[in-house]
N, C-alpha and C. Protein backbone atom coordinates (compact mmCIF):
# COMPACT_ATOMS: atom_id res chain seq x y z
N MET A 1 0.84 -1.17 0.00
CA MET A 1 0.00 0.00 0.00
C MET A 1 0.89 1.24 0.00
N SER A 2 0.54 2.18 -0.83
CA SER A 2 1.29 3.41 -0.96
C SER A 2 0.95 4.37 0.18
N LEU A 3 1.88 5.24 0.46
CA LEU A 3 1.71 6.21 1.55
C LEU A 3 0.57 7.18 1.27
N PHE A 4 0.36 7.54 0.01
CA PHE A 4 -0.64 8.53 -0.35
C PHE A 4 -1.86 7.92 -1.05
N ASP A 5 -2.16 6.66 -0.79
CA ASP A 5 -3.31 6.01 -1.43
C ASP A 5 -4.63 6.60 -0.99
N LYS A 6 -4.83 6.70 0.30
CA LYS A 6 -6.14 7.08 0.82
C LYS A 6 -6.26 8.57 1.14
N LYS A 7 -5.12 9.26 1.31
CA LYS A 7 -5.16 10.67 1.68
C LYS A 7 -4.24 11.47 0.77
N PRO A 8 -4.59 12.71 0.47
CA PRO A 8 -3.71 13.53 -0.36
C PRO A 8 -2.48 14.04 0.39
N GLU A 9 -2.54 14.01 1.73
CA GLU A 9 -1.39 14.42 2.53
C GLU A 9 -1.37 13.63 3.83
N VAL A 10 -0.17 13.52 4.40
CA VAL A 10 0.00 12.77 5.65
C VAL A 10 0.69 13.68 6.66
N SER A 11 0.46 13.40 7.92
CA SER A 11 1.11 14.19 8.96
C SER A 11 2.56 13.73 9.12
N ARG A 12 3.36 14.58 9.72
CA ARG A 12 4.76 14.22 9.99
C ARG A 12 4.84 12.98 10.85
N ARG A 13 3.96 12.91 11.83
CA ARG A 13 3.96 11.76 12.73
C ARG A 13 3.68 10.46 11.97
N GLU A 14 2.71 10.52 11.06
CA GLU A 14 2.38 9.33 10.27
C GLU A 14 3.55 8.94 9.37
N LEU A 15 4.21 9.92 8.77
CA LEU A 15 5.38 9.65 7.94
C LEU A 15 6.50 9.04 8.77
N ARG A 16 6.73 9.61 9.95
CA ARG A 16 7.78 9.11 10.85
C ARG A 16 7.47 7.67 11.28
N ASP A 17 6.21 7.40 11.60
CA ASP A 17 5.82 6.04 12.00
C ASP A 17 5.98 5.06 10.84
N THR A 18 5.65 5.50 9.64
CA THR A 18 5.81 4.64 8.47
C THR A 18 7.28 4.33 8.24
N LEU A 19 8.14 5.33 8.37
CA LEU A 19 9.57 5.09 8.23
C LEU A 19 10.09 4.18 9.34
N ARG A 20 9.58 4.36 10.53
CA ARG A 20 10.01 3.55 11.66
C ARG A 20 9.65 2.08 11.45
N LYS A 21 8.46 1.84 10.87
CA LYS A 21 7.97 0.47 10.68
C LYS A 21 8.51 -0.20 9.42
N SER A 22 9.02 0.59 8.48
CA SER A 22 9.52 -0.01 7.24
C SER A 22 10.77 -0.83 7.52
N ASP A 23 11.08 -1.74 6.61
CA ASP A 23 12.23 -2.60 6.83
C ASP A 23 13.55 -1.91 6.52
N GLY A 24 13.53 -0.82 5.80
CA GLY A 24 14.75 -0.08 5.48
C GLY A 24 15.60 -0.76 4.45
N LYS A 25 15.07 -1.81 3.83
CA LYS A 25 15.77 -2.56 2.79
C LYS A 25 17.12 -3.06 3.27
N GLY A 26 17.27 -3.23 4.58
CA GLY A 26 18.51 -3.76 5.13
C GLY A 26 19.65 -2.78 5.17
N LYS A 27 19.43 -1.57 4.72
CA LYS A 27 20.51 -0.58 4.64
C LYS A 27 20.51 0.41 5.79
N PHE A 28 19.34 0.66 6.37
CA PHE A 28 19.21 1.68 7.40
C PHE A 28 18.64 1.08 8.68
N LYS A 29 19.20 1.50 9.79
CA LYS A 29 18.65 1.12 11.07
C LYS A 29 17.46 2.03 11.37
N ARG A 30 16.71 1.65 12.39
CA ARG A 30 15.47 2.36 12.73
C ARG A 30 15.72 3.84 13.01
N ASP A 31 16.73 4.16 13.82
CA ASP A 31 16.98 5.56 14.16
C ASP A 31 17.45 6.36 12.94
N GLN A 32 18.14 5.72 12.01
CA GLN A 32 18.56 6.40 10.79
C GLN A 32 17.36 6.74 9.91
N ARG A 33 16.38 5.82 9.86
CA ARG A 33 15.18 6.09 9.05
C ARG A 33 14.38 7.23 9.65
N VAL A 34 14.28 7.29 10.97
CA VAL A 34 13.54 8.38 11.61
C VAL A 34 14.27 9.71 11.41
N LYS A 35 15.59 9.67 11.47
CA LYS A 35 16.39 10.88 11.24
C LYS A 35 16.23 11.38 9.80
N LEU A 36 16.03 10.45 8.89
CA LEU A 36 15.84 10.80 7.48
C LEU A 36 14.61 11.68 7.30
N GLU A 37 13.58 11.44 8.10
CA GLU A 37 12.36 12.26 8.01
C GLU A 37 12.67 13.73 8.28
N SER A 38 13.45 14.01 9.30
CA SER A 38 13.75 15.40 9.62
C SER A 38 14.73 16.02 8.63
N GLN A 39 15.60 15.22 8.04
CA GLN A 39 16.56 15.75 7.07
C GLN A 39 15.91 16.00 5.71
N ALA A 40 15.12 15.05 5.24
CA ALA A 40 14.52 15.17 3.91
C ALA A 40 13.34 16.13 3.89
N PHE A 41 12.66 16.25 5.03
CA PHE A 41 11.48 17.10 5.13
C PHE A 41 11.67 18.13 6.24
N PRO A 42 12.44 19.19 5.98
CA PRO A 42 12.66 20.20 7.02
C PRO A 42 11.36 20.92 7.36
N LYS A 43 11.44 21.80 8.34
CA LYS A 43 10.25 22.49 8.85
C LYS A 43 9.54 23.34 7.80
N LYS A 44 10.21 23.67 6.70
CA LYS A 44 9.56 24.50 5.66
C LYS A 44 8.37 23.80 5.03
N TYR A 45 8.29 22.46 5.15
CA TYR A 45 7.16 21.72 4.61
C TYR A 45 5.94 21.76 5.52
N GLY A 46 6.10 22.17 6.76
CA GLY A 46 4.97 22.30 7.66
C GLY A 46 4.60 20.97 8.32
N PRO A 47 3.47 20.96 9.05
CA PRO A 47 3.08 19.76 9.80
C PRO A 47 2.49 18.65 8.92
N MET A 48 2.00 19.00 7.74
CA MET A 48 1.42 18.01 6.84
C MET A 48 2.28 17.93 5.57
N ILE A 49 2.54 16.71 5.13
CA ILE A 49 3.36 16.49 3.94
C ILE A 49 2.43 16.02 2.82
N SER A 50 2.33 16.82 1.77
CA SER A 50 1.49 16.43 0.63
C SER A 50 2.33 15.60 -0.35
N SER A 51 1.67 15.02 -1.32
CA SER A 51 2.40 14.23 -2.30
C SER A 51 3.34 15.13 -3.12
N GLN A 52 2.94 16.37 -3.35
CA GLN A 52 3.81 17.32 -4.05
C GLN A 52 5.05 17.64 -3.23
N ASP A 53 4.87 17.83 -1.92
CA ASP A 53 6.01 18.07 -1.03
C ASP A 53 6.95 16.87 -1.05
N TYR A 54 6.38 15.69 -1.08
CA TYR A 54 7.16 14.46 -1.09
C TYR A 54 8.01 14.39 -2.36
N LYS A 55 7.39 14.71 -3.50
CA LYS A 55 8.12 14.71 -4.77
C LYS A 55 9.21 15.78 -4.77
N ARG A 56 8.90 16.93 -4.20
CA ARG A 56 9.87 18.02 -4.13
C ARG A 56 11.07 17.62 -3.27
N ALA A 57 10.82 16.93 -2.17
CA ALA A 57 11.91 16.48 -1.30
C ALA A 57 12.77 15.44 -2.02
N LEU A 58 12.14 14.55 -2.78
CA LEU A 58 12.91 13.57 -3.55
C LEU A 58 13.77 14.27 -4.61
N ASN A 59 13.21 15.28 -5.26
CA ASN A 59 13.99 16.02 -6.24
C ASN A 59 15.15 16.76 -5.59
N ASP A 60 14.95 17.28 -4.39
CA ASP A 60 16.03 17.94 -3.66
C ASP A 60 17.15 16.94 -3.34
N LEU A 61 16.77 15.73 -2.96
CA LEU A 61 17.77 14.69 -2.69
C LEU A 61 18.52 14.32 -3.97
N ARG A 62 17.80 14.22 -5.07
CA ARG A 62 18.45 13.91 -6.35
C ARG A 62 19.44 15.01 -6.74
N ARG A 63 19.06 16.24 -6.53
CA ARG A 63 19.93 17.38 -6.83
C ARG A 63 21.17 17.33 -5.93
N GLN A 64 20.96 17.01 -4.66
CA GLN A 64 22.07 16.91 -3.72
C GLN A 64 23.02 15.78 -4.13
N ARG A 65 22.46 14.66 -4.59
CA ARG A 65 23.28 13.54 -5.05
C ARG A 65 24.11 13.95 -6.26
N PHE A 66 23.52 14.69 -7.16
CA PHE A 66 24.23 15.14 -8.36
C PHE A 66 25.37 16.10 -8.02
N GLN A 67 25.16 16.95 -7.01
CA GLN A 67 26.14 17.98 -6.69
C GLN A 67 27.32 17.48 -5.86
N THR A 68 27.14 16.40 -5.12
CA THR A 68 28.22 15.93 -4.27
C THR A 68 29.27 15.19 -5.09
N LYS A 69 30.51 15.26 -4.66
CA LYS A 69 31.62 14.63 -5.38
C LYS A 69 32.04 13.31 -4.73
N ASP A 70 31.75 13.12 -3.47
CA ASP A 70 32.17 11.94 -2.75
C ASP A 70 31.28 10.74 -3.12
N TYR A 71 31.90 9.65 -3.56
CA TYR A 71 31.14 8.49 -4.01
C TYR A 71 30.35 7.85 -2.87
N ALA A 72 30.92 7.77 -1.68
CA ALA A 72 30.22 7.17 -0.54
C ALA A 72 28.98 7.98 -0.18
N GLU A 73 29.08 9.29 -0.26
CA GLU A 73 27.93 10.16 0.03
C GLU A 73 26.86 9.99 -1.05
N LYS A 74 27.30 9.87 -2.31
CA LYS A 74 26.34 9.64 -3.40
C LYS A 74 25.59 8.34 -3.18
N LEU A 75 26.29 7.31 -2.75
CA LEU A 75 25.67 6.01 -2.51
C LEU A 75 24.67 6.09 -1.37
N LYS A 76 25.01 6.81 -0.31
CA LYS A 76 24.12 6.98 0.84
C LYS A 76 22.84 7.71 0.42
N ILE A 77 22.99 8.78 -0.34
CA ILE A 77 21.84 9.56 -0.80
C ILE A 77 20.98 8.72 -1.74
N ASP A 78 21.62 7.93 -2.60
CA ASP A 78 20.87 7.07 -3.51
C ASP A 78 20.04 6.05 -2.74
N ARG A 79 20.58 5.50 -1.69
CA ARG A 79 19.83 4.55 -0.86
C ARG A 79 18.66 5.23 -0.16
N GLU A 80 18.87 6.47 0.29
CA GLU A 80 17.78 7.21 0.92
C GLU A 80 16.65 7.46 -0.08
N ILE A 81 17.01 7.81 -1.30
CA ILE A 81 16.01 8.04 -2.34
C ILE A 81 15.21 6.77 -2.62
N LYS A 82 15.90 5.65 -2.73
CA LYS A 82 15.21 4.39 -3.00
C LYS A 82 14.29 4.01 -1.85
N LEU A 83 14.70 4.27 -0.62
CA LEU A 83 13.85 3.98 0.53
C LEU A 83 12.58 4.83 0.48
N LEU A 84 12.73 6.12 0.23
CA LEU A 84 11.57 7.01 0.17
C LEU A 84 10.67 6.69 -1.02
N GLU A 85 11.26 6.33 -2.15
CA GLU A 85 10.46 5.96 -3.32
C GLU A 85 9.67 4.67 -3.04
N GLY A 86 10.26 3.77 -2.29
CA GLY A 86 9.59 2.51 -1.97
C GLY A 86 8.35 2.70 -1.14
N LEU A 87 8.29 3.77 -0.36
CA LEU A 87 7.11 4.03 0.48
C LEU A 87 5.91 4.49 -0.35
N THR A 88 6.15 5.03 -1.53
CA THR A 88 5.06 5.56 -2.33
C THR A 88 4.63 4.62 -3.45
N LYS A 89 5.37 3.56 -3.66
CA LYS A 89 5.01 2.61 -4.72
C LYS A 89 3.99 1.61 -4.22
N GLN A 90 3.22 1.09 -5.12
CA GLN A 90 2.21 0.08 -4.80
C GLN A 90 2.90 -1.23 -4.44
N SER A 91 2.39 -1.93 -3.44
CA SER A 91 2.95 -3.22 -3.07
C SER A 91 2.20 -4.33 -3.75
């Protein structure tokens, strides 16, 4: 089930809980996934995250991945993107 199937926007708490409960694809521990919520979705997005905000945050991560020169950092950002994309895809 996708994160935005039933509602056009989700609360930060719901997003955080979803990240906490996800498996992390074996790459991220629970606290790292929760920390990702605050890094990828800063306070400028407000208390509710819409699907447009979600797409914007993914594009910001992609831009950050493109701009960084360190391969290890690129790999970390790429894994974060895949984790976030996995939450919105149909199961």
